[in-house]
Amino acid sequence: MLDEPGWSEWPAPAKLNLFLCIPGRRADGYHLLQTVFRLLDWGDTVRLRPRPDGRIVRHGESVAGVAEADDLMVRAAKLLQNSAKTSYGADISVEKRIPAGGGFGGGSSDAATVLVALDRLWGTGLGPDRLAELGLQLGADVPVFVRGDNAWAEGVGEVLSPVQLPPAWYLLVDPGIQVPTAELYRAPELTRDAPPATISDFVSGVPLGNAFEPVLRGREPAIEAVFAALSRVGTPRLTGSGSGCFVEFATREAAEAALVVLPRGLRAWVAAGAARSPLRVALEGWSRQVEV
C-alpha cells in the first residue's frame, strides 16, 4: 500500500523540555507551566496521501492499542478537515521511533505534522496561527511543533516565544516506564508553587530543574537507576512529564563516547538538537518542488 503513488513523507521531530517548573494554577484548575522546548533532528516519519472521497483512513497503528478514532493523527486530520470545510480526505501512516510515554512529544508531533502537511497538500491554507489554535485542542505540546521553533513556553505550554539555542547533542534514554500525566499532576509531592523563572535565569544557567523529576524518581526505581547511570557521564535531566532522561553535550563525539560507557540493557541513543524544525525544512523543500 505505502509503495503506491501519491504518498509523501514528512518528519515529526521529537522534543526535549530543558527544564519545567510549575509556578501556579489557573482559576480553572489547569497547571501553569514554564519550560524551554528544544526540537531534535530525530523523530517519527508521517506518511500522507490525499483522498478525493473525504475519508480519513489510518494504515497500521501509531501506538499499540490506540483505536483509530482516538489516534491523535486521525483526530488532527478530521479537525483540519472540519475547520477548513474541505471535501478531501487522507490516508495516514506513521513510522514510529519516538517511544510512547517518554515525554519526547511523539503523539503531539505526529498530530502537528498531520495538521501542517495536510494544510499544504489539501491547499486549505489555514497557516501557522490557525493551525496552532487547532493543535491546542489536541494537546498543549502540539502548537510548538506546528510553529517549528525552539521556544520559551508559558501558560499551559501554548504561549510561545522563539529562542535561539546553541548547537548541542543529547544522550537520550527511555526507561520504558509510562505513568499517566494526570496521575502525576495529582501527586501530593508535586511542587506547584515554584518561583517564576525568567529567560535570563535560563540563559545564565540558573538550575531550574523539572517539577516531575523528584516525583518520578521517588516512585519509579527504573528511572532512579537511569539517573544513577547517566550521572557518571554528565548531569541527567527528565523531559516533560514522561520517563525519558537525557544529558546534554556540546559535541556529537562527546555524546557518543558517553553512550558507549552506559550499562548494557538501557535503551539509549544520541540525537542532535535542531536549530529549526525538520518539518519546516521539509515544507520549504516541498514548496520549491511544487513551484518548479
Protein backbone atom coordinates (compact mmCIF):
# COMPACT_ATOMS: atom_id res chain seq x y z
CA MET A 1 0.00 0.00 0.00
CA LEU A 2 2.68 2.51 1.03
CA ASP A 3 4.64 1.96 -2.18
CA GLU A 4 1.69 3.11 -4.29
CA PRO A 5 1.79 6.55 -5.97
CA GLY A 6 0.57 9.64 -4.17
CA TRP A 7 2.20 9.14 -0.78
CA SER A 8 4.52 11.76 0.71
CA GLU A 9 6.74 11.56 3.80
CA TRP A 10 7.00 14.22 6.50
CA PRO A 11 9.22 14.40 9.60
CA ALA A 12 7.66 14.57 13.05
CA PRO A 13 10.56 15.64 15.29
CA ALA A 14 10.89 14.80 18.96
CA LYS A 15 11.44 17.44 21.63
CA LEU A 16 13.05 17.88 24.99
CA ASN A 17 12.00 20.10 27.86
CA LEU A 18 15.28 21.65 29.02
CA PHE A 19 13.54 22.49 32.29
CA LEU A 20 9.95 22.52 33.53
CA CYS A 21 8.55 24.37 36.52
CA ILE A 22 5.01 24.90 37.78
CA PRO A 23 4.58 28.39 39.28
CA GLY A 24 0.84 28.05 39.98
CA ARG A 25 -2.59 27.17 38.63
CA ARG A 26 -5.24 28.92 36.60
CA ALA A 27 -8.69 29.53 38.04
CA ASP A 28 -10.00 26.51 36.11
CA GLY A 29 -7.50 24.22 37.82
CA TYR A 30 -5.06 23.82 34.93
CA HIS A 31 -1.42 23.98 36.00
CA LEU A 32 0.67 26.89 34.73
CA LEU A 33 3.99 25.87 33.23
CA GLN A 34 7.29 27.39 32.30
CA THR A 35 9.64 25.47 30.06
CA VAL A 36 12.01 25.62 27.12
CA PHE A 37 11.19 23.32 24.22
CA ARG A 38 14.20 22.00 22.33
CA LEU A 39 13.38 20.36 18.99
CA LEU A 40 15.51 17.41 17.90
CA ASP A 41 16.78 16.37 14.50
CA TRP A 42 15.27 12.94 15.08
CA GLY A 43 11.76 11.56 15.38
CA ASP A 44 8.91 9.80 13.61
CA THR A 45 8.07 9.80 9.92
CA VAL A 46 4.44 10.51 8.95
CA ARG A 47 3.21 9.35 5.55
CA LEU A 48 0.19 11.00 3.92
CA ARG A 49 -1.82 10.58 0.76
CA PRO A 50 -4.77 12.86 -0.09
CA ARG A 51 -8.04 11.14 -0.97
CA PRO A 52 -10.90 12.62 -3.02
CA ASP A 53 -13.66 10.82 -1.09
CA GLY A 54 -13.34 12.67 2.23
CA ARG A 55 -12.42 9.57 4.24
CA ILE A 56 -9.65 9.68 6.86
CA VAL A 57 -8.03 6.23 6.92
CA ARG A 58 -5.23 5.09 9.22
CA HIS A 59 -2.93 2.35 7.97
CA GLY A 60 -1.36 0.39 10.82
CA GLU A 61 -1.16 1.58 14.43
CA SER A 62 0.71 4.62 15.73
CA VAL A 63 0.73 3.34 19.31
CA ALA A 64 -0.22 -0.23 20.15
CA GLY A 65 -3.74 -0.49 21.46
CA VAL A 66 -4.86 3.02 20.45
CA ALA A 67 -8.11 2.84 18.48
CA GLU A 68 -8.24 4.67 15.15
CA ALA A 69 -10.87 7.13 16.41
CA ASP A 70 -8.64 8.05 19.36
CA ASP A 71 -5.43 8.38 17.34
CA LEU A 72 -4.14 11.96 17.53
CA MET A 73 -3.16 11.88 13.83
CA VAL A 74 -6.69 10.89 12.80
CA ARG A 75 -8.21 13.45 15.14
CA ALA A 76 -5.88 16.13 13.73
CA ALA A 77 -6.88 15.32 10.14
CA LYS A 78 -10.59 15.43 10.97
CA LEU A 79 -10.20 18.66 12.92
CA LEU A 80 -8.47 20.31 9.96
CA GLN A 81 -11.00 18.86 7.54
CA ASN A 82 -13.94 20.26 9.52
CA SER A 83 -12.32 23.63 10.20
CA ALA A 84 -11.29 24.17 6.57
CA LYS A 85 -14.56 22.69 5.25
CA THR A 86 -12.68 20.66 2.66
CA SER A 87 -14.03 17.63 0.85
CA TYR A 88 -10.61 15.97 0.75
CA GLY A 89 -9.68 13.03 2.92
CA ALA A 90 -6.37 11.33 3.61
CA ASP A 91 -4.60 8.02 4.08
CA ILE A 92 -2.29 8.23 7.11
CA SER A 93 0.56 6.06 8.32
CA VAL A 94 3.49 6.59 10.66
CA GLU A 95 6.88 5.01 11.21
CA LYS A 96 7.33 5.26 14.97
CA ARG A 97 10.72 5.87 16.55
CA ILE A 98 9.73 8.10 19.46
CA PRO A 99 8.80 5.92 22.45
CA ALA A 100 5.37 6.37 23.98
CA GLY A 101 5.25 7.85 27.47
CA GLY A 102 8.81 9.15 27.39
CA GLY A 103 7.98 12.86 27.32
CA PHE A 104 9.61 13.24 23.90
CA GLY A 105 6.38 14.54 22.34
CA GLY A 106 5.75 11.77 19.83
CA GLY A 107 1.96 11.86 19.68
CA SER A 108 1.83 15.66 19.70
CA SER A 109 4.47 15.92 16.98
CA ASP A 110 2.70 13.36 14.78
CA ALA A 111 -0.54 15.32 15.13
CA ALA A 112 1.19 18.62 14.33
CA THR A 113 2.81 17.13 11.23
CA VAL A 114 -0.58 15.92 10.00
CA LEU A 115 -2.06 19.41 10.51
CA VAL A 116 0.78 21.25 8.83
CA ALA A 117 1.39 18.86 5.94
CA LEU A 118 -2.28 18.29 5.08
CA ASP A 119 -2.84 22.06 5.15
CA ARG A 120 -0.34 22.19 2.27
CA LEU A 121 -1.40 19.00 0.49
CA TRP A 122 -5.09 19.89 0.62
CA GLY A 123 -4.41 23.52 -0.26
CA THR A 124 -6.54 24.70 2.66
CA GLY A 125 -4.08 27.47 3.55
CA LEU A 126 -5.04 27.97 7.19
CA GLY A 127 -1.46 28.91 8.12
CA PRO A 128 0.51 28.51 11.36
CA ASP A 129 -1.57 30.73 13.66
CA ARG A 130 -4.84 28.94 12.96
CA LEU A 131 -3.16 25.54 12.89
CA ALA A 132 -1.59 26.24 16.30
CA GLU A 133 -5.07 27.08 17.64
CA LEU A 134 -6.40 23.81 16.30
CA GLY A 135 -3.41 21.95 17.67
CA LEU A 136 -4.05 23.24 21.18
CA GLN A 137 -7.37 21.38 21.10
CA LEU A 138 -5.38 18.16 20.70
CA GLY A 139 -2.67 18.81 23.30
CA ALA A 140 -0.64 21.56 24.95
CA ASP A 141 2.55 20.46 23.17
CA VAL A 142 1.09 20.48 19.66
CA PRO A 143 1.48 24.25 18.96
CA VAL A 144 5.27 24.22 19.40
CA PHE A 145 5.56 21.51 16.75
CA VAL A 146 3.21 23.42 14.45
CA ARG A 147 5.30 26.59 14.70
CA GLY A 148 8.60 24.74 14.46
CA ASP A 149 10.83 26.93 16.64
CA ASN A 150 12.77 26.18 19.78
CA ALA A 151 10.76 28.16 22.29
CA TRP A 152 10.32 29.53 25.77
CA ALA A 153 6.81 28.45 26.78
CA GLU A 154 4.37 29.61 29.43
CA GLY A 155 0.64 29.32 30.14
CA VAL A 156 -0.26 25.63 29.79
CA GLY A 157 2.60 25.41 27.32
CA GLU A 158 0.95 27.25 24.45
CA VAL A 159 2.31 30.80 24.97
CA LEU A 160 5.45 30.54 22.89
CA SER A 161 8.41 32.86 22.37
CA PRO A 162 11.08 31.64 19.91
CA VAL A 163 14.56 31.31 21.39
CA GLN A 164 17.96 30.75 19.83
CA LEU A 165 19.76 27.78 21.35
CA PRO A 166 23.39 26.82 20.79
CA PRO A 167 24.23 23.61 18.91
CA ALA A 168 24.07 20.59 21.21
CA TRP A 169 23.91 16.82 21.15
CA TYR A 170 21.88 14.72 23.54
CA LEU A 171 22.29 11.28 25.02
CA LEU A 172 18.73 10.02 25.44
CA VAL A 173 17.46 7.09 27.50
CA ASP A 174 13.98 5.56 27.57
CA PRO A 175 13.45 3.64 30.84
CA GLY A 176 10.27 2.13 29.36
CA ILE A 177 8.03 3.47 32.13
CA GLN A 178 4.65 5.01 31.34
CA VAL A 179 2.87 6.96 34.07
CA PRO A 180 -0.35 8.81 33.15
CA THR A 181 0.26 12.56 33.17
CA ALA A 182 -2.99 13.16 35.06
CA GLU A 183 -1.73 10.91 37.86
CA LEU A 184 1.48 12.92 38.14
CA TYR A 185 -0.39 16.21 38.29
CA ARG A 186 -2.42 14.80 41.21
CA ALA A 187 0.71 13.72 43.11
CA PRO A 188 0.73 15.37 46.56
CA GLU A 189 4.53 15.72 46.45
CA LEU A 190 4.47 17.72 43.19
CA THR A 191 5.74 21.31 43.62
CA ARG A 192 3.05 23.62 42.27
CA ASP A 193 4.25 26.98 43.60
CA ALA A 194 7.77 27.33 42.22
CA PRO A 195 9.15 30.87 41.96
CA PRO A 196 8.54 32.11 38.41
CA ALA A 197 11.58 31.71 36.19
CA THR A 198 12.79 34.17 33.56
CA ILE A 199 14.54 33.76 30.24
CA SER A 200 17.57 35.47 31.77
CA ASP A 201 17.59 32.80 34.51
CA PHE A 202 17.69 30.12 31.85
CA VAL A 203 20.33 31.83 29.72
CA SER A 204 22.58 32.48 32.71
CA GLY A 205 22.49 28.81 33.68
CA VAL A 206 20.47 29.06 36.90
CA PRO A 207 19.46 25.46 37.78
CA LEU A 208 15.73 25.29 37.10
CA GLY A 209 15.05 21.56 37.15
CA ASN A 210 11.89 19.64 36.29
CA ALA A 211 8.98 19.59 38.72
CA PHE A 212 8.15 15.99 37.82
CA GLU A 213 11.67 14.65 38.37
CA PRO A 214 11.53 14.09 42.15
CA VAL A 215 8.04 12.58 41.81
CA LEU A 216 9.06 10.06 39.17
CA ARG A 217 12.44 9.26 40.68
CA GLY A 218 10.78 8.60 44.03
CA ARG A 219 8.09 6.38 42.54
CA GLU A 220 9.91 4.51 39.78
CA PRO A 221 13.13 2.60 40.60
CA ALA A 222 13.88 2.19 36.87
CA ILE A 223 14.06 5.96 36.41
CA GLU A 224 16.22 6.35 39.51
CA ALA A 225 18.56 3.69 38.08
CA VAL A 226 18.84 5.57 34.78
CA PHE A 227 19.69 8.79 36.64
CA ALA A 228 22.40 6.94 38.53
CA ALA A 229 23.88 5.60 35.29
CA LEU A 230 23.73 8.95 33.50
CA SER A 231 25.24 10.81 36.43
CA ARG A 232 28.53 9.05 35.64
CA VAL A 233 28.75 10.83 32.27
CA GLY A 234 27.07 14.19 32.92
CA THR A 235 24.09 15.91 34.52
CA PRO A 236 20.92 13.91 33.85
CA ARG A 237 17.58 15.59 33.35
CA LEU A 238 13.99 14.48 32.80
CA THR A 239 11.96 15.66 29.81
CA GLY A 240 8.36 16.78 30.19
CA SER A 241 6.14 14.66 32.40
CA GLY A 242 7.41 11.43 30.86
CA SER A 243 10.09 9.00 31.91
CA GLY A 244 12.64 9.98 29.25
CA CYS A 245 16.03 11.09 30.54
CA PHE A 246 18.84 12.96 28.83
CA VAL A 247 22.27 14.53 29.18
CA GLU A 248 23.39 17.46 27.02
CA PHE A 249 26.79 17.58 25.31
CA ALA A 250 28.49 20.23 23.20
CA THR A 251 29.66 17.76 20.55
CA ARG A 252 28.47 14.57 18.89
CA GLU A 253 31.75 12.89 19.77
CA ALA A 254 31.26 13.53 23.49
CA ALA A 255 27.67 12.24 23.40
CA GLU A 256 28.65 9.08 21.55
CA ALA A 257 31.58 8.46 23.91
CA ALA A 258 29.16 8.66 26.84
CA LEU A 259 26.75 6.29 25.10
CA VAL A 260 29.45 3.64 24.82
CA VAL A 261 30.09 3.51 28.56
CA LEU A 262 26.45 3.19 29.66
CA PRO A 263 25.42 -0.14 31.18
CA ARG A 264 24.16 -2.72 28.72
CA GLY A 265 20.41 -3.17 28.51
CA LEU A 266 19.48 0.52 28.53
CA ARG A 267 17.52 1.78 25.54
CA ALA A 268 19.81 4.70 24.75
CA TRP A 269 20.73 6.69 21.66
CA VAL A 270 22.18 10.03 20.55
CA ALA A 271 20.31 12.83 18.76
CA ALA A 272 21.19 16.36 17.69
CA GLY A 273 19.35 19.46 18.75
CA ALA A 274 17.73 21.18 15.76
CA ALA A 275 18.12 24.88 15.06
CA ARG A 276 14.75 24.74 13.28
CA SER A 277 12.17 22.04 12.89
CA PRO A 278 12.94 19.34 10.29
CA LEU A 279 9.28 19.65 9.32
CA ARG A 280 9.76 23.29 8.33
CA VAL A 281 12.79 22.32 6.25
CA ALA A 282 10.74 19.62 4.51
CA LEU A 283 7.89 22.05 3.82
CA GLU A 284 10.26 24.50 2.20
CA GLY A 285 11.68 21.75 0.00
CA TRP A 286 8.20 20.61 -0.98
CA SER A 287 7.17 24.17 -1.86
CA ARG A 288 10.20 24.58 -4.11
CA GLN A 289 9.35 21.34 -5.93
CA VAL A 290 5.75 22.47 -6.47
CA GLU A 291 6.89 25.80 -7.86
CA VAL A 292 9.22 24.19 -10.42
